[in-house]
Amino acid sequence: MSVRRVVPNVRSEAMPENRAFYGLLGFEEVMNQGWIMTVASPAVPTAQVSFMTEDRTGPVVPDISVEVDDVDAVYATVRESGAEIVHPLRDEEWGVRRFFVRDPDGRVVNVLSHR
């Protein structure tokens, strides 16, 4: 299994303000679903930050998202380890398959693959 990208998720109620601010740093909006907006570097598209008002189908706003090439394999490995699954593996309507797991410091990690 391999990691494709890691994206910090920032809980925010100031989407337009963050779009403008991070634009000053060279980021551009690449996704906006109303409750989540992602900005990315045009030069390095995997350099991203997401801003979330909520997680539409998850119980909490995850602290980070980790995109992997095989989410099912990672889910099996994580379950076998005994780590706390916060949100079960499922397919989401916006084209990802994902689950949430809690890391040793209590942070929630959204692990996903695009379908």
C-alpha atoms as a PDB file:
ATOM      1  CA  MET A   1       0.000   0.000   0.000  1.00  0.00           C
ATOM      2  CA  SER A   2       1.172   3.538  -0.614  1.00  0.00           C
ATOM      3  CA  VAL A   3       0.185   7.029   0.475  1.00  0.00           C
ATOM      4  CA  ARG A   4      -0.862   9.383  -2.319  1.00  0.00           C
ATOM      5  CA  ARG A   5      -1.340  12.586  -0.301  1.00  0.00           C
ATOM      6  CA  VAL A   6      -1.930  13.948   3.185  1.00  0.00           C
ATOM      7  CA  VAL A   7      -4.276  16.902   3.719  1.00  0.00           C
ATOM      8  CA  PRO A   8      -4.807  18.814   6.972  1.00  0.00           C
ATOM      9  CA  ASN A   9      -8.490  19.473   7.707  1.00  0.00           C
ATOM     10  CA  VAL A  10      -9.290  22.759   9.449  1.00  0.00           C
ATOM     11  CA  ARG A  11     -12.674  23.226  11.117  1.00  0.00           C
ATOM     12  CA  SER A  12     -13.924  26.601   9.871  1.00  0.00           C
ATOM     13  CA  GLU A  13     -16.998  28.752   9.440  1.00  0.00           C
ATOM     14  CA  ALA A  14     -15.033  31.239   7.289  1.00  0.00           C
ATOM     15  CA  MET A  15     -14.769  29.563   3.885  1.00  0.00           C
ATOM     16  CA  PRO A  16     -14.652  32.717   1.710  1.00  0.00           C
ATOM     17  CA  GLU A  17     -12.156  34.387   4.042  1.00  0.00           C
ATOM     18  CA  ASN A  18      -9.899  31.324   4.009  1.00  0.00           C
ATOM     19  CA  ARG A  19     -10.124  31.074   0.206  1.00  0.00           C
ATOM     20  CA  ALA A  20      -8.965  34.702  -0.028  1.00  0.00           C
ATOM     21  CA  PHE A  21      -6.243  34.370   2.614  1.00  0.00           C
ATOM     22  CA  TYR A  22      -4.736  31.163   1.248  1.00  0.00           C
ATOM     23  CA  GLY A  23      -4.951  32.697  -2.227  1.00  0.00           C
ATOM     24  CA  LEU A  24      -2.400  35.212  -0.971  1.00  0.00           C
ATOM     25  CA  LEU A  25      -0.082  32.245  -0.378  1.00  0.00           C
ATOM     26  CA  GLY A  26      -0.627  30.907  -3.909  1.00  0.00           C
ATOM     27  CA  PHE A  27      -3.384  28.364  -3.266  1.00  0.00           C
ATOM     28  CA  GLU A  28      -6.428  28.009  -5.522  1.00  0.00           C
ATOM     29  CA  GLU A  29      -9.801  26.453  -4.745  1.00  0.00           C
ATOM     30  CA  VAL A  30      -9.989  22.976  -6.273  1.00  0.00           C
ATOM     31  CA  MET A  31     -13.132  21.640  -4.574  1.00  0.00           C
ATOM     32  CA  ASN A  32     -16.108  23.163  -2.774  1.00  0.00           C
ATOM     33  CA  GLN A  33     -19.110  21.151  -1.636  1.00  0.00           C
ATOM     34  CA  GLY A  34     -20.438  23.805   0.722  1.00  0.00           C
ATOM     35  CA  TRP A  35     -19.421  21.956   3.880  1.00  0.00           C
ATOM     36  CA  ILE A  36     -15.861  21.222   2.690  1.00  0.00           C
ATOM     37  CA  MET A  37     -13.574  23.367   0.569  1.00  0.00           C
ATOM     38  CA  THR A  38     -10.086  22.353  -0.546  1.00  0.00           C
ATOM     39  CA  VAL A  39      -7.375  24.670  -1.788  1.00  0.00           C
ATOM     40  CA  ALA A  40      -4.246  23.447  -3.571  1.00  0.00           C
ATOM     41  CA  SER A  41      -1.025  24.720  -5.024  1.00  0.00           C
ATOM     42  CA  PRO A  42      -1.203  24.910  -8.828  1.00  0.00           C
ATOM     43  CA  ALA A  43       2.511  24.055  -8.964  1.00  0.00           C
ATOM     44  CA  VAL A  44       2.261  21.081  -6.559  1.00  0.00           C
ATOM     45  CA  PRO A  45      -1.363  19.850  -6.700  1.00  0.00           C
ATOM     46  CA  THR A  46      -0.938  17.452  -3.775  1.00  0.00           C
ATOM     47  CA  ALA A  47      -0.044  20.390  -1.479  1.00  0.00           C
ATOM     48  CA  GLN A  48      -3.539  20.995  -0.106  1.00  0.00           C
ATOM     49  CA  VAL A  49      -5.530  22.277   2.867  1.00  0.00           C
ATOM     50  CA  SER A  50      -9.215  21.510   3.444  1.00  0.00           C
ATOM     51  CA  PHE A  51     -11.641  23.651   5.449  1.00  0.00           C
ATOM     52  CA  MET A  52     -14.751  21.986   6.867  1.00  0.00           C
ATOM     53  CA  THR A  53     -17.838  23.289   8.647  1.00  0.00           C
ATOM     54  CA  GLU A  54     -18.823  19.689   9.415  1.00  0.00           C
ATOM     55  CA  ASP A  55     -18.399  16.234   7.972  1.00  0.00           C
ATOM     56  CA  ARG A  56     -21.632  15.472   6.170  1.00  0.00           C
ATOM     57  CA  THR A  57     -21.621  11.715   6.867  1.00  0.00           C
ATOM     58  CA  GLY A  58     -19.002  11.336   9.595  1.00  0.00           C
ATOM     59  CA  PRO A  59     -19.447  11.817  13.337  1.00  0.00           C
ATOM     60  CA  VAL A  60     -16.661  14.440  13.635  1.00  0.00           C
ATOM     61  CA  VAL A  61     -14.478  16.685  11.491  1.00  0.00           C
ATOM     62  CA  PRO A  62     -11.306  14.620  10.995  1.00  0.00           C
ATOM     63  CA  ASP A  63      -7.983  16.276  11.798  1.00  0.00           C
ATOM     64  CA  ILE A  64      -6.223  15.015   8.680  1.00  0.00           C
ATOM     65  CA  SER A  65      -7.035  13.046   5.547  1.00  0.00           C
ATOM     66  CA  VAL A  66      -4.691  10.430   4.152  1.00  0.00           C
ATOM     67  CA  GLU A  67      -5.341   9.206   0.619  1.00  0.00           C
ATOM     68  CA  VAL A  68      -4.033   5.689   0.003  1.00  0.00           C
ATOM     69  CA  ASP A  69      -4.005   3.451  -3.048  1.00  0.00           C
ATOM     70  CA  ASP A  70      -5.959   0.606  -1.344  1.00  0.00           C
ATOM     71  CA  VAL A  71      -8.272   1.724   1.458  1.00  0.00           C
ATOM     72  CA  ASP A  72      -9.655  -1.791   1.954  1.00  0.00           C
ATOM     73  CA  ALA A  73      -6.180  -3.188   2.699  1.00  0.00           C
ATOM     74  CA  VAL A  74      -5.426  -0.319   5.092  1.00  0.00           C
ATOM     75  CA  TYR A  75      -8.785  -0.802   6.840  1.00  0.00           C
ATOM     76  CA  ALA A  76      -8.008  -4.509   7.391  1.00  0.00           C
ATOM     77  CA  THR A  77      -4.556  -3.684   8.772  1.00  0.00           C
ATOM     78  CA  VAL A  78      -5.901  -0.975  11.083  1.00  0.00           C
ATOM     79  CA  ARG A  79      -8.706  -3.208  12.401  1.00  0.00           C
ATOM     80  CA  GLU A  80      -6.231  -6.014  13.093  1.00  0.00           C
ATOM     81  CA  SER A  81      -4.077  -3.579  15.079  1.00  0.00           C
ATOM     82  CA  GLY A  82      -6.935  -2.851  17.483  1.00  0.00           C
ATOM     83  CA  ALA A  83      -6.934   0.895  16.766  1.00  0.00           C
ATOM     84  CA  GLU A  84     -10.264   2.653  17.391  1.00  0.00           C
ATOM     85  CA  ILE A  85     -12.413   2.885  14.277  1.00  0.00           C
ATOM     86  CA  VAL A  86     -14.365   6.147  14.633  1.00  0.00           C
ATOM     87  CA  HIS A  87     -16.346   5.852  11.372  1.00  0.00           C
ATOM     88  CA  PRO A  88     -16.701   2.533   9.508  1.00  0.00           C
ATOM     89  CA  LEU A  89     -15.493   1.860   5.979  1.00  0.00           C
ATOM     90  CA  ARG A  90     -18.071   3.017   3.449  1.00  0.00           C
ATOM     91  CA  ASP A  91     -18.549   4.415  -0.037  1.00  0.00           C
ATOM     92  CA  GLU A  92     -19.489   8.095  -0.115  1.00  0.00           C
ATOM     93  CA  GLU A  93     -21.691   9.765  -2.734  1.00  0.00           C
ATOM     94  CA  TRP A  94     -18.881  12.142  -3.770  1.00  0.00           C
ATOM     95  CA  GLY A  95     -16.697   9.324  -5.102  1.00  0.00           C
ATOM     96  CA  VAL A  96     -14.502   8.193  -2.229  1.00  0.00           C
ATOM     97  CA  ARG A  97     -14.352   5.070  -0.077  1.00  0.00           C
ATOM     98  CA  ARG A  98     -13.210   5.929   3.439  1.00  0.00           C
ATOM     99  CA  PHE A  99     -13.087   5.297   7.174  1.00  0.00           C
ATOM    100  CA  PHE A 100     -11.970   7.273  10.251  1.00  0.00           C
ATOM    101  CA  VAL A 101      -9.481   5.967  12.819  1.00  0.00           C
ATOM    102  CA  ARG A 102      -8.157   7.581  16.014  1.00  0.00           C
ATOM    103  CA  ASP A 103      -4.361   7.931  16.288  1.00  0.00           C
ATOM    104  CA  PRO A 104      -2.436   7.469  19.589  1.00  0.00           C
ATOM    105  CA  ASP A 105      -2.765  11.190  20.397  1.00  0.00           C
ATOM    106  CA  GLY A 106      -6.535  11.166  19.892  1.00  0.00           C
ATOM    107  CA  ARG A 107      -6.559  12.802  16.455  1.00  0.00           C
ATOM    108  CA  VAL A 108      -9.071  11.497  13.950  1.00  0.00           C
ATOM    109  CA  VAL A 109      -7.600  10.406  10.612  1.00  0.00           C
ATOM    110  CA  ASN A 110      -9.827  10.149   7.527  1.00  0.00           C
ATOM    111  CA  VAL A 111      -8.314   7.345   5.401  1.00  0.00           C
ATOM    112  CA  LEU A 112      -9.621   7.272   1.829  1.00  0.00           C
ATOM    113  CA  SER A 113      -9.253   6.149  -1.758  1.00  0.00           C
ATOM    114  CA  HIS A 114     -11.003   7.636  -4.764  1.00  0.00           C
ATOM    115  CA  ARG A 115     -13.263   5.161  -6.543  1.00  0.00           C
END
